Amino acid sequence: MEVGNEETNPLTNIPKGKPKSGRIWKNQNRKRFSSIRNGLPFKTSWEDKMKLKMEIKSIKDQSKAMQEARKQSLEEKRKRREENQKRRAENAKKSEIVQVIKNTSKLQIGRASCRERV
């Protein structure tokens, strides 16, 4: 550690004057954006890479299992709904009261809507 380093360097002692542009609030030592280089990421070990890979794989497997379970439950609900609709239709058909018409000439007396239903 040299204490006299500031005294020997004449450039550090020169005060900054007013910039040519007149914008004194701007920082003169600012670098351009293109010259700023982001630090390279640290190199990870093989074990860390494999651990990360296994974590990602387990997360994907869990999400896939959750999606499959949801899909299966929706499919079961759909089947149950269809069975209920079929059963309701069959019950409605069984509960219908049907009158056997022996003489079709009597239909002419009735309304047109009655004839259409037969």
PDB file of N, CA and C in Angstrom:
ATOM      1  N   MET A   1       0.823  -1.174   0.000  1.00  0.00           N
ATOM      2  CA  MET A   1       0.000   0.000   0.000  1.00  0.00           C
ATOM      3  C   MET A   1       0.868   1.238   0.000  1.00  0.00           C
ATOM      4  N   GLU A   2       0.807   1.976  -1.020  1.00  0.00           N
ATOM      5  CA  GLU A   2       1.590   3.204  -1.096  1.00  0.00           C
ATOM      6  C   GLU A   2       0.713   4.379  -0.720  1.00  0.00           C
ATOM      7  N   VAL A   3       1.148   5.160   0.195  1.00  0.00           N
ATOM      8  CA  VAL A   3       0.379   6.297   0.669  1.00  0.00           C
ATOM      9  C   VAL A   3       0.517   7.468  -0.297  1.00  0.00           C
ATOM     10  N   GLY A   4       1.651   7.633  -0.880  1.00  0.00           N
ATOM     11  CA  GLY A   4       1.916   8.773  -1.750  1.00  0.00           C
ATOM     12  C   GLY A   4       1.467   8.561  -3.175  1.00  0.00           C
ATOM     13  N   ASN A   5       0.616   7.633  -3.412  1.00  0.00           N
ATOM     14  CA  ASN A   5       0.175   7.316  -4.771  1.00  0.00           C
ATOM     15  C   ASN A   5      -0.602   8.470  -5.384  1.00  0.00           C
ATOM     16  N   GLU A   6      -1.446   9.155  -4.609  1.00  0.00           N
ATOM     17  CA  GLU A   6      -2.243  10.251  -5.140  1.00  0.00           C
ATOM     18  C   GLU A   6      -1.369  11.448  -5.493  1.00  0.00           C
ATOM     19  N   GLU A   7      -0.327  11.649  -4.741  1.00  0.00           N
ATOM     20  CA  GLU A   7       0.530  12.813  -4.988  1.00  0.00           C
ATOM     21  C   GLU A   7       1.390  12.614  -6.229  1.00  0.00           C
ATOM     22  N   THR A   8       1.774  11.375  -6.510  1.00  0.00           N
ATOM     23  CA  THR A   8       2.634  11.132  -7.654  1.00  0.00           C
ATOM     24  C   THR A   8       1.870  11.174  -8.969  1.00  0.00           C
ATOM     25  N   ASN A   9       0.593  10.858  -8.965  1.00  0.00           N
ATOM     26  CA  ASN A   9      -0.200  10.864 -10.192  1.00  0.00           C
ATOM     27  C   ASN A   9      -0.780  12.260 -10.390  1.00  0.00           C
ATOM     28  N   PRO A  10      -0.324  12.987 -11.392  1.00  0.00           N
ATOM     29  CA  PRO A  10      -0.801  14.368 -11.563  1.00  0.00           C
ATOM     30  C   PRO A  10      -2.235  14.450 -12.096  1.00  0.00           C
ATOM     31  N   LEU A  11      -2.749  13.395 -12.718  1.00  0.00           N
ATOM     32  CA  LEU A  11      -4.091  13.453 -13.289  1.00  0.00           C
ATOM     33  C   LEU A  11      -5.180  13.435 -12.224  1.00  0.00           C
ATOM     34  N   THR A  12      -4.925  12.860 -11.080  1.00  0.00           N
ATOM     35  CA  THR A  12      -5.946  12.789 -10.040  1.00  0.00           C
ATOM     36  C   THR A  12      -6.135  14.128  -9.338  1.00  0.00           C
ATOM     37  N   ASN A  13      -5.131  14.976  -9.394  1.00  0.00           N
ATOM     38  CA  ASN A  13      -5.220  16.264  -8.704  1.00  0.00           C
ATOM     39  C   ASN A  13      -5.858  17.354  -9.558  1.00  0.00           C
ATOM     40  N   ILE A  14      -6.059  17.111 -10.851  1.00  0.00           N
ATOM     41  CA  ILE A  14      -6.623  18.141 -11.723  1.00  0.00           C
ATOM     42  C   ILE A  14      -8.127  18.209 -11.491  1.00  0.00           C
ATOM     43  N   PRO A  15      -8.629  19.408 -11.131  1.00  0.00           N
ATOM     44  CA  PRO A  15     -10.080  19.519 -10.925  1.00  0.00           C
ATOM     45  C   PRO A  15     -10.803  19.523 -12.272  1.00  0.00           C
ATOM     46  N   LYS A  16     -12.003  18.984 -12.256  1.00  0.00           N
ATOM     47  CA  LYS A  16     -12.797  18.950 -13.488  1.00  0.00           C
ATOM     48  C   LYS A  16     -13.413  20.313 -13.701  1.00  0.00           C
ATOM     49  N   GLY A  17     -13.344  20.788 -14.905  1.00  0.00           N
ATOM     50  CA  GLY A  17     -13.947  22.064 -15.240  1.00  0.00           C
ATOM     51  C   GLY A  17     -15.375  21.881 -15.715  1.00  0.00           C
ATOM     52  N   LYS A  18     -15.918  22.959 -16.212  1.00  0.00           N
ATOM     53  CA  LYS A  18     -17.277  22.936 -16.721  1.00  0.00           C
ATOM     54  C   LYS A  18     -17.278  22.217 -18.073  1.00  0.00           C
ATOM     55  N   PRO A  19     -18.197  21.257 -18.299  1.00  0.00           N
ATOM     56  CA  PRO A  19     -18.215  20.557 -19.579  1.00  0.00           C
ATOM     57  C   PRO A  19     -18.590  21.488 -20.720  1.00  0.00           C
ATOM     58  N   LYS A  20     -18.191  21.115 -21.909  1.00  0.00           N
ATOM     59  CA  LYS A  20     -18.424  21.933 -23.092  1.00  0.00           C
ATOM     60  C   LYS A  20     -19.915  22.090 -23.370  1.00  0.00           C
ATOM     61  N   SER A  21     -20.679  21.015 -23.075  1.00  0.00           N
ATOM     62  CA  SER A  21     -22.116  21.052 -23.335  1.00  0.00           C
ATOM     63  C   SER A  21     -22.850  21.949 -22.351  1.00  0.00           C
ATOM     64  N   GLY A  22     -22.235  22.235 -21.228  1.00  0.00           N
ATOM     65  CA  GLY A  22     -22.884  23.077 -20.237  1.00  0.00           C
ATOM     66  C   GLY A  22     -23.736  22.277 -19.253  1.00  0.00           C
ATOM     67  N   ARG A  23     -23.798  20.991 -19.426  1.00  0.00           N
ATOM     68  CA  ARG A  23     -24.600  20.160 -18.526  1.00  0.00           C
ATOM     69  C   ARG A  23     -23.716  19.667 -17.381  1.00  0.00           C
ATOM     70  N   ILE A  24     -23.671  20.458 -16.349  1.00  0.00           N
ATOM     71  CA  ILE A  24     -22.763  20.155 -15.249  1.00  0.00           C
ATOM     72  C   ILE A  24     -23.291  19.027 -14.367  1.00  0.00           C
ATOM     73  N   TRP A  25     -24.579  18.719 -14.477  1.00  0.00           N
ATOM     74  CA  TRP A  25     -25.150  17.663 -13.640  1.00  0.00           C
ATOM     75  C   TRP A  25     -24.872  16.271 -14.195  1.00  0.00           C
ATOM     76  N   LYS A  26     -24.412  16.204 -15.441  1.00  0.00           N
ATOM     77  CA  LYS A  26     -24.123  14.900 -16.048  1.00  0.00           C
ATOM     78  C   LYS A  26     -22.792  14.372 -15.518  1.00  0.00           C
ATOM     79  N   ASN A  27     -22.703  13.068 -15.384  1.00  0.00           N
ATOM     80  CA  ASN A  27     -21.485  12.430 -14.907  1.00  0.00           C
ATOM     81  C   ASN A  27     -20.539  12.248 -16.090  1.00  0.00           C
ATOM     82  N   GLN A  28     -19.346  12.739 -15.970  1.00  0.00           N
ATOM     83  CA  GLN A  28     -18.385  12.672 -17.072  1.00  0.00           C
ATOM     84  C   GLN A  28     -17.745  11.292 -17.197  1.00  0.00           C
ATOM     85  N   ASN A  29     -17.684  10.563 -16.107  1.00  0.00           N
ATOM     86  CA  ASN A  29     -17.019   9.269 -16.122  1.00  0.00           C
ATOM     87  C   ASN A  29     -17.957   8.129 -16.535  1.00  0.00           C
ATOM     88  N   ARG A  30     -19.103   8.496 -17.041  1.00  0.00           N
ATOM     89  CA  ARG A  30     -20.098   7.493 -17.404  1.00  0.00           C
ATOM     90  C   ARG A  30     -19.646   6.727 -18.642  1.00  0.00           C
ATOM     91  N   LYS A  31     -19.845   5.408 -18.617  1.00  0.00           N
ATOM     92  CA  LYS A  31     -19.484   4.594 -19.771  1.00  0.00           C
ATOM     93  C   LYS A  31     -20.704   4.406 -20.649  1.00  0.00           C
ATOM     94  N   ARG A  32     -20.447   4.119 -21.905  1.00  0.00           N
ATOM     95  CA  ARG A  32     -21.548   3.835 -22.822  1.00  0.00           C
ATOM     96  C   ARG A  32     -22.145   2.477 -22.487  1.00  0.00           C
ATOM     97  N   PHE A  33     -23.431   2.315 -22.849  1.00  0.00           N
ATOM     98  CA  PHE A  33     -24.140   1.081 -22.522  1.00  0.00           C
ATOM     99  C   PHE A  33     -23.501  -0.124 -23.209  1.00  0.00           C
ATOM    100  N   SER A  34     -23.020   0.078 -24.429  1.00  0.00           N
ATOM    101  CA  SER A  34     -22.445  -1.050 -25.163  1.00  0.00           C
ATOM    102  C   SER A  34     -21.114  -1.504 -24.555  1.00  0.00           C
ATOM    103  N   SER A  35     -20.452  -0.606 -23.841  1.00  0.00           N
ATOM    104  CA  SER A  35     -19.167  -0.985 -23.259  1.00  0.00           C
ATOM    105  C   SER A  35     -19.330  -1.716 -21.921  1.00  0.00           C
ATOM    106  N   ILE A  36     -20.516  -1.614 -21.325  1.00  0.00           N
ATOM    107  CA  ILE A  36     -20.748  -2.307 -20.068  1.00  0.00           C
ATOM    108  C   ILE A  36     -20.967  -3.780 -20.377  1.00  0.00           C
ATOM    109  N   ARG A  37     -20.186  -4.607 -19.773  1.00  0.00           N
ATOM    110  CA  ARG A  37     -20.269  -6.042 -20.029  1.00  0.00           C
ATOM    111  C   ARG A  37     -20.750  -6.733 -18.762  1.00  0.00           C
ATOM    112  N   ASN A  38     -21.827  -7.435 -18.894  1.00  0.00           N
ATOM    113  CA  ASN A  38     -22.338  -8.149 -17.728  1.00  0.00           C
ATOM    114  C   ASN A  38     -21.383  -9.275 -17.382  1.00  0.00           C
ATOM    115  N   GLY A  39     -21.258  -9.519 -16.103  1.00  0.00           N
ATOM    116  CA  GLY A  39     -20.377 -10.589 -15.647  1.00  0.00           C
ATOM    117  C   GLY A  39     -20.880 -11.943 -16.114  1.00  0.00           C
ATOM    118  N   LEU A  40     -19.974 -12.789 -16.473  1.00  0.00           N
ATOM    119  CA  LEU A  40     -20.349 -14.122 -16.913  1.00  0.00           C
ATOM    120  C   LEU A  40     -20.889 -14.905 -15.725  1.00  0.00           C
ATOM    121  N   PRO A  41     -21.855 -15.780 -15.945  1.00  0.00           N
ATOM    122  CA  PRO A  41     -22.375 -16.567 -14.820  1.00  0.00           C
ATOM    123  C   PRO A  41     -21.305 -17.519 -14.307  1.00  0.00           C
ATOM    124  N   PHE A  42     -21.397 -17.805 -13.041  1.00  0.00           N
ATOM    125  CA  PHE A  42     -20.411 -18.695 -12.449  1.00  0.00           C
ATOM    126  C   PHE A  42     -20.605 -20.102 -12.983  1.00  0.00           C
ATOM    127  N   LYS A  43     -19.530 -20.798 -13.143  1.00  0.00           N
ATOM    128  CA  LYS A  43     -19.613 -22.170 -13.626  1.00  0.00           C
ATOM    129  C   LYS A  43     -20.098 -23.064 -12.492  1.00  0.00           C
ATOM    130  N   THR A  44     -21.065 -23.890 -12.821  1.00  0.00           N
ATOM    131  CA  THR A  44     -21.595 -24.801 -11.815  1.00  0.00           C
ATOM    132  C   THR A  44     -20.962 -26.171 -11.989  1.00  0.00           C
ATOM    133  N   SER A  45     -20.932 -26.903 -10.920  1.00  0.00           N
ATOM    134  CA  SER A  45     -20.336 -28.237 -10.972  1.00  0.00           C
ATOM    135  C   SER A  45     -21.322 -29.207 -11.611  1.00  0.00           C
ATOM    136  N   TRP A  46     -20.815 -30.357 -11.984  1.00  0.00           N
ATOM    137  CA  TRP A  46     -21.640 -31.375 -12.637  1.00  0.00           C
ATOM    138  C   TRP A  46     -22.734 -31.869 -11.685  1.00  0.00           C
ATOM    139  N   GLU A  47     -22.396 -32.000 -10.411  1.00  0.00           N
ATOM    140  CA  GLU A  47     -23.373 -32.464  -9.428  1.00  0.00           C
ATOM    141  C   GLU A  47     -24.525 -31.465  -9.304  1.00  0.00           C
ATOM    142  N   ASP A  48     -24.162 -30.165  -9.283  1.00  0.00           N
ATOM    143  CA  ASP A  48     -25.208 -29.148  -9.185  1.00  0.00           C
ATOM    144  C   ASP A  48     -26.098 -29.165 -10.418  1.00  0.00           C
ATOM    145  N   LYS A  49     -25.497 -29.350 -11.578  1.00  0.00           N
ATOM    146  CA  LYS A  49     -26.293 -29.411 -12.808  1.00  0.00           C
ATOM    147  C   LYS A  49     -27.251 -30.597 -12.777  1.00  0.00           C
ATOM    148  N   MET A  50     -26.760 -31.741 -12.341  1.00  0.00           N
ATOM    149  CA  MET A  50     -27.604 -32.935 -12.283  1.00  0.00           C
ATOM    150  C   MET A  50     -28.706 -32.781 -11.232  1.00  0.00           C
ATOM    151  N   LYS A  51     -28.364 -32.135 -10.094  1.00  0.00           N
ATOM    152  CA  LYS A  51     -29.355 -31.907  -9.056  1.00  0.00           C
ATOM    153  C   LYS A  51     -30.474 -31.001  -9.583  1.00  0.00           C
ATOM    154  N   LEU A  52     -30.092 -29.943 -10.291  1.00  0.00           N
ATOM    155  CA  LEU A  52     -31.066 -29.025 -10.872  1.00  0.00           C
ATOM    156  C   LEU A  52     -31.935 -29.740 -11.908  1.00  0.00           C
ATOM    157  N   LYS A  53     -31.287 -30.582 -12.703  1.00  0.00           N
ATOM    158  CA  LYS A  53     -32.012 -31.334 -13.725  1.00  0.00           C
ATOM    159  C   LYS A  53     -33.034 -32.273 -13.086  1.00  0.00           C
ATOM    160  N   MET A  54     -32.648 -32.937 -11.994  1.00  0.00           N
ATOM    161  CA  MET A  54     -33.558 -33.844 -11.317  1.00  0.00           C
ATOM    162  C   MET A  54     -34.716 -33.091 -10.666  1.00  0.00           C
ATOM    163  N   GLU A  55     -34.434 -31.916 -10.105  1.00  0.00           N
ATOM    164  CA  GLU A  55     -35.504 -31.105  -9.516  1.00  0.00           C
ATOM    165  C   GLU A  55     -36.517 -30.693 -10.573  1.00  0.00           C
ATOM    166  N   ILE A  56     -36.018 -30.239 -11.717  1.00  0.00           N
ATOM    167  CA  ILE A  56     -36.906 -29.828 -12.800  1.00  0.00           C
ATOM    168  C   ILE A  56     -37.741 -31.009 -13.279  1.00  0.00           C
ATOM    169  N   LYS A  57     -37.101 -32.173 -13.390  1.00  0.00           N
ATOM    170  CA  LYS A  57     -37.810 -33.366 -13.838  1.00  0.00           C
ATOM    171  C   LYS A  57     -38.894 -33.760 -12.844  1.00  0.00           C
ATOM    172  N   SER A  58     -38.578 -33.686 -11.549  1.00  0.00           N
ATOM    173  CA  SER A  58     -39.581 -34.058 -10.539  1.00  0.00           C
ATOM    174  C   SER A  58     -40.758 -33.082 -10.554  1.00  0.00           C
ATOM    175  N   ILE A  59     -40.468 -31.804 -10.740  1.00  0.00           N
ATOM    176  CA  ILE A  59     -41.540 -30.808 -10.807  1.00  0.00           C
ATOM    177  C   ILE A  59     -42.427 -31.064 -12.013  1.00  0.00           C
ATOM    178  N   LYS A  60     -41.806 -31.374 -13.164  1.00  0.00           N
ATOM    179  CA  LYS A  60     -42.585 -31.674 -14.363  1.00  0.00           C
ATOM    180  C   LYS A  60     -43.437 -32.918 -14.167  1.00  0.00           C
ATOM    181  N   ASP A  61     -42.865 -33.945 -13.521  1.00  0.00           N
ATOM    182  CA  ASP A  61     -43.619 -35.174 -13.277  1.00  0.00           C
ATOM    183  C   ASP A  61     -44.813 -34.905 -12.362  1.00  0.00           C
ATOM    184  N   GLN A  62     -44.602 -34.091 -11.333  1.00  0.00           N
ATOM    185  CA  GLN A  62     -45.697 -33.766 -10.427  1.00  0.00           C
ATOM    186  C   GLN A  62     -46.809 -33.018 -11.140  1.00  0.00           C
ATOM    187  N   SER A  63     -46.424 -32.044 -11.964  1.00  0.00           N
ATOM    188  CA  SER A  63     -47.446 -31.272 -12.682  1.00  0.00           C
ATOM    189  C   SER A  63     -48.188 -32.162 -13.677  1.00  0.00           C
ATOM    190  N   LYS A  64     -47.464 -33.080 -14.310  1.00  0.00           N
ATOM    191  CA  LYS A  64     -48.097 -33.999 -15.251  1.00  0.00           C
ATOM    192  C   LYS A  64     -49.084 -34.913 -14.526  1.00  0.00           C
ATOM    193  N   ALA A  65     -48.681 -35.401 -13.344  1.00  0.00           N
ATOM    194  CA  ALA A  65     -49.568 -36.259 -12.563  1.00  0.00           C
ATOM    195  C   ALA A  65     -50.821 -35.503 -12.133  1.00  0.00           C
ATOM    196  N   MET A  66     -50.653 -34.241 -11.735  1.00  0.00           N
ATOM    197  CA  MET A  66     -51.798 -33.430 -11.340  1.00  0.00           C
ATOM    198  C   MET A  66     -52.744 -33.224 -12.514  1.00  0.00           C
ATOM    199  N   GLN A  67     -52.186 -32.962 -13.697  1.00  0.00           N
ATOM    200  CA  GLN A  67     -53.016 -32.774 -14.891  1.00  0.00           C
ATOM    201  C   GLN A  67     -53.759 -34.056 -15.239  1.00  0.00           C
ATOM    202  N   GLU A  68     -53.081 -35.201 -15.130  1.00  0.00           N
ATOM    203  CA  GLU A  68     -53.719 -36.483 -15.425  1.00  0.00           C
ATOM    204  C   GLU A  68     -54.861 -36.756 -14.443  1.00  0.00           C
ATOM    205  N   ALA A  69     -54.636 -36.457 -13.164  1.00  0.00           N
ATOM    206  CA  ALA A  69     -55.677 -36.678 -12.161  1.00  0.00           C
ATOM    207  C   ALA A  69     -56.894 -35.803 -12.446  1.00  0.00           C
ATOM    208  N   ARG A  70     -56.647 -34.567 -12.808  1.00  0.00           N
ATOM    209  CA  ARG A  70     -57.744 -33.647 -13.115  1.00  0.00           C
ATOM    210  C   ARG A  70     -58.493 -34.113 -14.353  1.00  0.00           C
ATOM    211  N   LYS A  71     -57.741 -34.545 -15.352  1.00  0.00           N
ATOM    212  CA  LYS A  71     -58.355 -35.027 -16.588  1.00  0.00           C
ATOM    213  C   LYS A  71     -59.216 -36.255 -16.311  1.00  0.00           C
ATOM    214  N   GLN A  72     -58.711 -37.159 -15.469  1.00  0.00           N
ATOM    215  CA  GLN A  72     -59.438 -38.373 -15.142  1.00  0.00           C
ATOM    216  C   GLN A  72     -60.717 -38.045 -14.374  1.00  0.00           C
ATOM    217  N   SER A  73     -60.628 -37.111 -13.423  1.00  0.00           N
ATOM    218  CA  SER A  73     -61.818 -36.748 -12.654  1.00  0.00           C
ATOM    219  C   SER A  73     -62.871 -36.104 -13.556  1.00  0.00           C
ATOM    220  N   LEU A  74     -62.439 -35.261 -14.493  1.00  0.00           N
ATOM    221  CA  LEU A  74     -63.379 -34.645 -15.426  1.00  0.00           C
ATOM    222  C   LEU A  74     -64.042 -35.692 -16.308  1.00  0.00           C
ATOM    223  N   GLU A  75     -63.269 -36.683 -16.730  1.00  0.00           N
ATOM    224  CA  GLU A  75     -63.814 -37.768 -17.557  1.00  0.00           C
ATOM    225  C   GLU A  75     -64.848 -38.572 -16.778  1.00  0.00           C
ATOM    226  N   GLU A  76     -64.559 -38.864 -15.494  1.00  0.00           N
ATOM    227  CA  GLU A  76     -65.514 -39.585 -14.660  1.00  0.00           C
ATOM    228  C   GLU A  76     -66.797 -38.782 -14.479  1.00  0.00           C
ATOM    229  N   LYS A  77     -66.671 -37.489 -14.249  1.00  0.00           N
ATOM    230  CA  LYS A  77     -67.854 -36.635 -14.101  1.00  0.00           C
ATOM    231  C   LYS A  77     -68.685 -36.633 -15.379  1.00  0.00           C
ATOM    232  N   ARG A  78     -68.006 -36.589 -16.527  1.00  0.00           N
ATOM    233  CA  ARG A  78     -68.711 -36.572 -17.805  1.00  0.00           C
ATOM    234  C   ARG A  78     -69.492 -37.878 -18.001  1.00  0.00           C
ATOM    235  N   LYS A  79     -68.851 -39.018 -17.702  1.00  0.00           N
ATOM    236  CA  LYS A  79     -69.525 -40.313 -17.839  1.00  0.00           C
ATOM    237  C   LYS A  79     -70.723 -40.410 -16.896  1.00  0.00           C
ATOM    238  N   ARG A  80     -70.525 -39.945 -15.686  1.00  0.00           N
ATOM    239  CA  ARG A  80     -71.617 -39.996 -14.702  1.00  0.00           C
ATOM    240  C   ARG A  80     -72.791 -39.138 -15.158  1.00  0.00           C
ATOM    241  N   ARG A  81     -72.488 -37.962 -15.702  1.00  0.00           N
ATOM    242  CA  ARG A  81     -73.534 -37.069 -16.190  1.00  0.00           C
ATOM    243  C   ARG A  81     -74.308 -37.725 -17.334  1.00  0.00           C
ATOM    244  N   GLU A  82     -73.588 -38.378 -18.270  1.00  0.00           N
ATOM    245  CA  GLU A  82     -74.247 -39.059 -19.392  1.00  0.00           C
ATOM    246  C   GLU A  82     -75.142 -40.190 -18.893  1.00  0.00           C
ATOM    247  N   GLU A  83     -74.657 -40.973 -17.915  1.00  0.00           N
ATOM    248  CA  GLU A  83     -75.462 -42.071 -17.368  1.00  0.00           C
ATOM    249  C   GLU A  83     -76.726 -41.534 -16.704  1.00  0.00           C
ATOM    250  N   ASN A  84     -76.585 -40.426 -15.966  1.00  0.00           N
ATOM    251  CA  ASN A  84     -77.758 -39.827 -15.321  1.00  0.00           C
ATOM    252  C   ASN A  84     -78.774 -39.352 -16.362  1.00  0.00           C
ATOM    253  N   GLN A  85     -78.293 -38.755 -17.444  1.00  0.00           N
ATOM    254  CA  GLN A  85     -79.204 -38.297 -18.487  1.00  0.00           C
ATOM    255  C   GLN A  85     -79.928 -39.478 -19.136  1.00  0.00           C
ATOM    256  N   LYS A  86     -79.206 -40.578 -19.387  1.00  0.00           N
ATOM    257  CA  LYS A  86     -79.823 -41.768 -19.965  1.00  0.00           C
ATOM    258  C   LYS A  86     -80.891 -42.331 -19.031  1.00  0.00           C
ATOM    259  N   ARG A  87     -80.541 -42.427 -17.750  1.00  0.00           N
ATOM    260  CA  ARG A  87     -81.477 -42.972 -16.779  1.00  0.00           C
ATOM    261  C   ARG A  87     -82.720 -42.102 -16.666  1.00  0.00           C
ATOM    262  N   ARG A  88     -82.541 -40.787 -16.679  1.00  0.00           N
ATOM    263  CA  ARG A  88     -83.688 -39.884 -16.612  1.00  0.00           C
ATOM    264  C   ARG A  88     -84.585 -40.055 -17.828  1.00  0.00           C
ATOM    265  N   ALA A  89     -83.961 -40.187 -19.015  1.00  0.00           N
ATOM    266  CA  ALA A  89     -84.746 -40.370 -20.242  1.00  0.00           C
ATOM    267  C   ALA A  89     -85.525 -41.677 -20.188  1.00  0.00           C
ATOM    268  N   GLU A  90     -84.891 -42.746 -19.714  1.00  0.00           N
ATOM    269  CA  GLU A  90     -85.579 -44.040 -19.599  1.00  0.00           C
ATOM    270  C   GLU A  90     -86.725 -43.960 -18.601  1.00  0.00           C
ATOM    271  N   ASN A  91     -86.492 -43.310 -17.473  1.00  0.00           N
ATOM    272  CA  ASN A  91     -87.554 -43.164 -16.467  1.00  0.00           C
ATOM    273  C   ASN A  91     -88.714 -42.342 -17.004  1.00  0.00           C
ATOM    274  N   ALA A  92     -88.411 -41.283 -17.766  1.00  0.00           N
ATOM    275  CA  ALA A  92     -89.475 -40.470 -18.351  1.00  0.00           C
ATOM    276  C   ALA A  92     -90.283 -41.290 -19.350  1.00  0.00           C
ATOM    277  N   LYS A  93     -89.597 -42.144 -20.102  1.00  0.00           N
ATOM    278  CA  LYS A  93     -90.282 -42.992 -21.086  1.00  0.00           C
ATOM    279  C   LYS A  93     -91.185 -44.009 -20.385  1.00  0.00           C
ATOM    280  N   LYS A  94     -90.709 -44.568 -19.266  1.00  0.00           N
ATOM    281  CA  LYS A  94     -91.494 -45.545 -18.527  1.00  0.00           C
ATOM    282  C   LYS A  94     -92.717 -44.902 -17.896  1.00  0.00           C
ATOM    283  N   SER A  95     -92.567 -43.667 -17.429  1.00  0.00           N
ATOM    284  CA  SER A  95     -93.661 -43.013 -16.711  1.00  0.00           C
ATOM    285  C   SER A  95     -94.708 -42.388 -17.636  1.00  0.00           C
ATOM    286  N   GLU A  96     -94.487 -42.428 -18.925  1.00  0.00           N
ATOM    287  CA  GLU A  96     -95.464 -41.859 -19.859  1.00  0.00           C
ATOM    288  C   GLU A  96     -96.752 -42.667 -19.822  1.00  0.00           C
ATOM    289  N   ILE A  97     -97.847 -41.942 -19.878  1.00  0.00           N
ATOM    290  CA  ILE A  97     -99.160 -42.599 -19.938  1.00  0.00           C
ATOM    291  C   ILE A  97     -99.588 -42.622 -21.401  1.00  0.00           C
ATOM    292  N   VAL A  98     -99.774 -43.833 -21.902  1.00  0.00           N
ATOM    293  CA  VAL A  98    -100.114 -43.999 -23.314  1.00  0.00           C
ATOM    294  C   VAL A  98    -101.531 -44.554 -23.413  1.00  0.00           C
ATOM    295  N   GLN A  99    -102.284 -43.931 -24.272  1.00  0.00           N
ATOM    296  CA  GLN A  99    -103.657 -44.389 -24.499  1.00  0.00           C
ATOM    297  C   GLN A  99    -103.730 -45.011 -25.884  1.00  0.00           C
ATOM    298  N   VAL A 100    -104.195 -46.213 -25.950  1.00  0.00           N
ATOM    299  CA  VAL A 100    -104.285 -46.917 -27.215  1.00  0.00           C
ATOM    300  C   VAL A 100    -105.531 -46.417 -27.951  1.00  0.00           C
ATOM    301  N   ILE A 101    -105.357 -46.016 -29.204  1.00  0.00           N
ATOM    302  CA  ILE A 101    -106.455 -45.523 -30.028  1.00  0.00           C
ATOM    303  C   ILE A 101    -106.902 -46.662 -30.927  1.00  0.00           C
ATOM    304  N   LYS A 102    -108.165 -47.091 -30.696  1.00  0.00           N
ATOM    305  CA  LYS A 102    -108.686 -48.190 -31.497  1.00  0.00           C
ATOM    306  C   LYS A 102    -109.408 -47.659 -32.725  1.00  0.00           C
ATOM    307  N   ASN A 103    -110.107 -46.547 -32.576  1.00  0.00           N
ATOM    308  CA  ASN A 103    -110.873 -45.989 -33.689  1.00  0.00           C
ATOM    309  C   ASN A 103    -110.190 -44.704 -34.139  1.00  0.00           C
ATOM    310  N   THR A 104    -109.516 -44.718 -35.294  1.00  0.00           N
ATOM    311  CA  THR A 104    -108.776 -43.543 -35.772  1.00  0.00           C
ATOM    312  C   THR A 104    -109.676 -42.468 -36.342  1.00  0.00           C
ATOM    313  N   SER A 105    -110.928 -42.776 -36.581  1.00  0.00           N
ATOM    314  CA  SER A 105    -111.844 -41.759 -37.138  1.00  0.00           C
ATOM    315  C   SER A 105    -112.160 -40.698 -36.092  1.00  0.00           C
ATOM    316  N   LYS A 106    -112.004 -41.025 -34.824  1.00  0.00           N
ATOM    317  CA  LYS A 106    -112.271 -40.064 -33.759  1.00  0.00           C
ATOM    318  C   LYS A 106    -111.188 -38.980 -33.704  1.00  0.00           C
ATOM    319  N   LEU A 107    -110.036 -39.239 -34.319  1.00  0.00           N
ATOM    320  CA  LEU A 107    -108.953 -38.253 -34.308  1.00  0.00           C
ATOM    321  C   LEU A 107    -109.316 -37.018 -35.112  1.00  0.00           C
ATOM    322  N   GLN A 108    -110.182 -37.165 -36.076  1.00  0.00           N
ATOM    323  CA  GLN A 108    -110.543 -36.027 -36.920  1.00  0.00           C
ATOM    324  C   GLN A 108    -111.311 -34.976 -36.135  1.00  0.00           C
ATOM    325  N   ILE A 109    -111.961 -35.427 -35.116  1.00  0.00           N
ATOM    326  CA  ILE A 109    -112.704 -34.485 -34.294  1.00  0.00           C
ATOM    327  C   ILE A 109    -111.744 -33.633 -33.464  1.00  0.00           C
ATOM    328  N   GLY A 110    -110.659 -34.211 -33.062  1.00  0.00           N
ATOM    329  CA  GLY A 110    -109.710 -33.517 -32.182  1.00  0.00           C
ATOM    330  C   GLY A 110    -108.921 -32.435 -32.920  1.00  0.00           C
ATOM    331  N   ARG A 111    -108.065 -31.808 -32.188  1.00  0.00           N
ATOM    332  CA  ARG A 111    -107.247 -30.734 -32.772  1.00  0.00           C
ATOM    333  C   ARG A 111    -106.141 -31.301 -33.655  1.00  0.00           C
ATOM    334  N   ALA A 112    -105.570 -30.409 -34.459  1.00  0.00           N
ATOM    335  CA  ALA A 112    -104.510 -30.816 -35.381  1.00  0.00           C
ATOM    336  C   ALA A 112    -103.256 -31.218 -34.617  1.00  0.00           C
ATOM    337  N   SER A 113    -103.018 -30.566 -33.472  1.00  0.00           N
ATOM    338  CA  SER A 113    -101.824 -30.891 -32.685  1.00  0.00           C
ATOM    339  C   SER A 113    -101.911 -32.295 -32.116  1.00  0.00           C
ATOM    340  N   CYS A 114    -103.126 -32.744 -31.798  1.00  0.00           N
ATOM    341  CA  CYS A 114    -103.312 -34.107 -31.302  1.00  0.00           C
ATOM    342  C   CYS A 114    -102.990 -35.117 -32.392  1.00  0.00           C
ATOM    343  N   ARG A 115    -103.394 -34.816 -33.604  1.00  0.00           N
ATOM    344  CA  ARG A 115    -103.132 -35.722 -34.724  1.00  0.00           C
ATOM    345  C   ARG A 115    -101.641 -35.779 -35.045  1.00  0.00           C
ATOM    346  N   GLU A 116    -100.945 -34.692 -34.869  1.00  0.00           N
ATOM    347  CA  GLU A 116     -99.514 -34.677 -35.179  1.00  0.00           C
ATOM    348  C   GLU A 116     -98.730 -35.543 -34.186  1.00  0.00           C
ATOM    349  N   ARG A 117     -99.170 -35.590 -32.952  1.00  0.00           N
ATOM    350  CA  ARG A 117     -98.475 -36.359 -31.953  1.00  0.00           C
ATOM    351  C   ARG A 117     -98.604 -37.860 -32.177  1.00  0.00           C
ATOM    352  N   VAL A 118     -99.691 -38.258 -32.854  1.00  0.00           N
ATOM    353  CA  VAL A 118     -99.903 -39.687 -33.080  1.00  0.00           C
ATOM    354  C   VAL A 118     -99.134 -40.077 -34.271  1.00  0.00           C
TER     355      VAL A 118
END
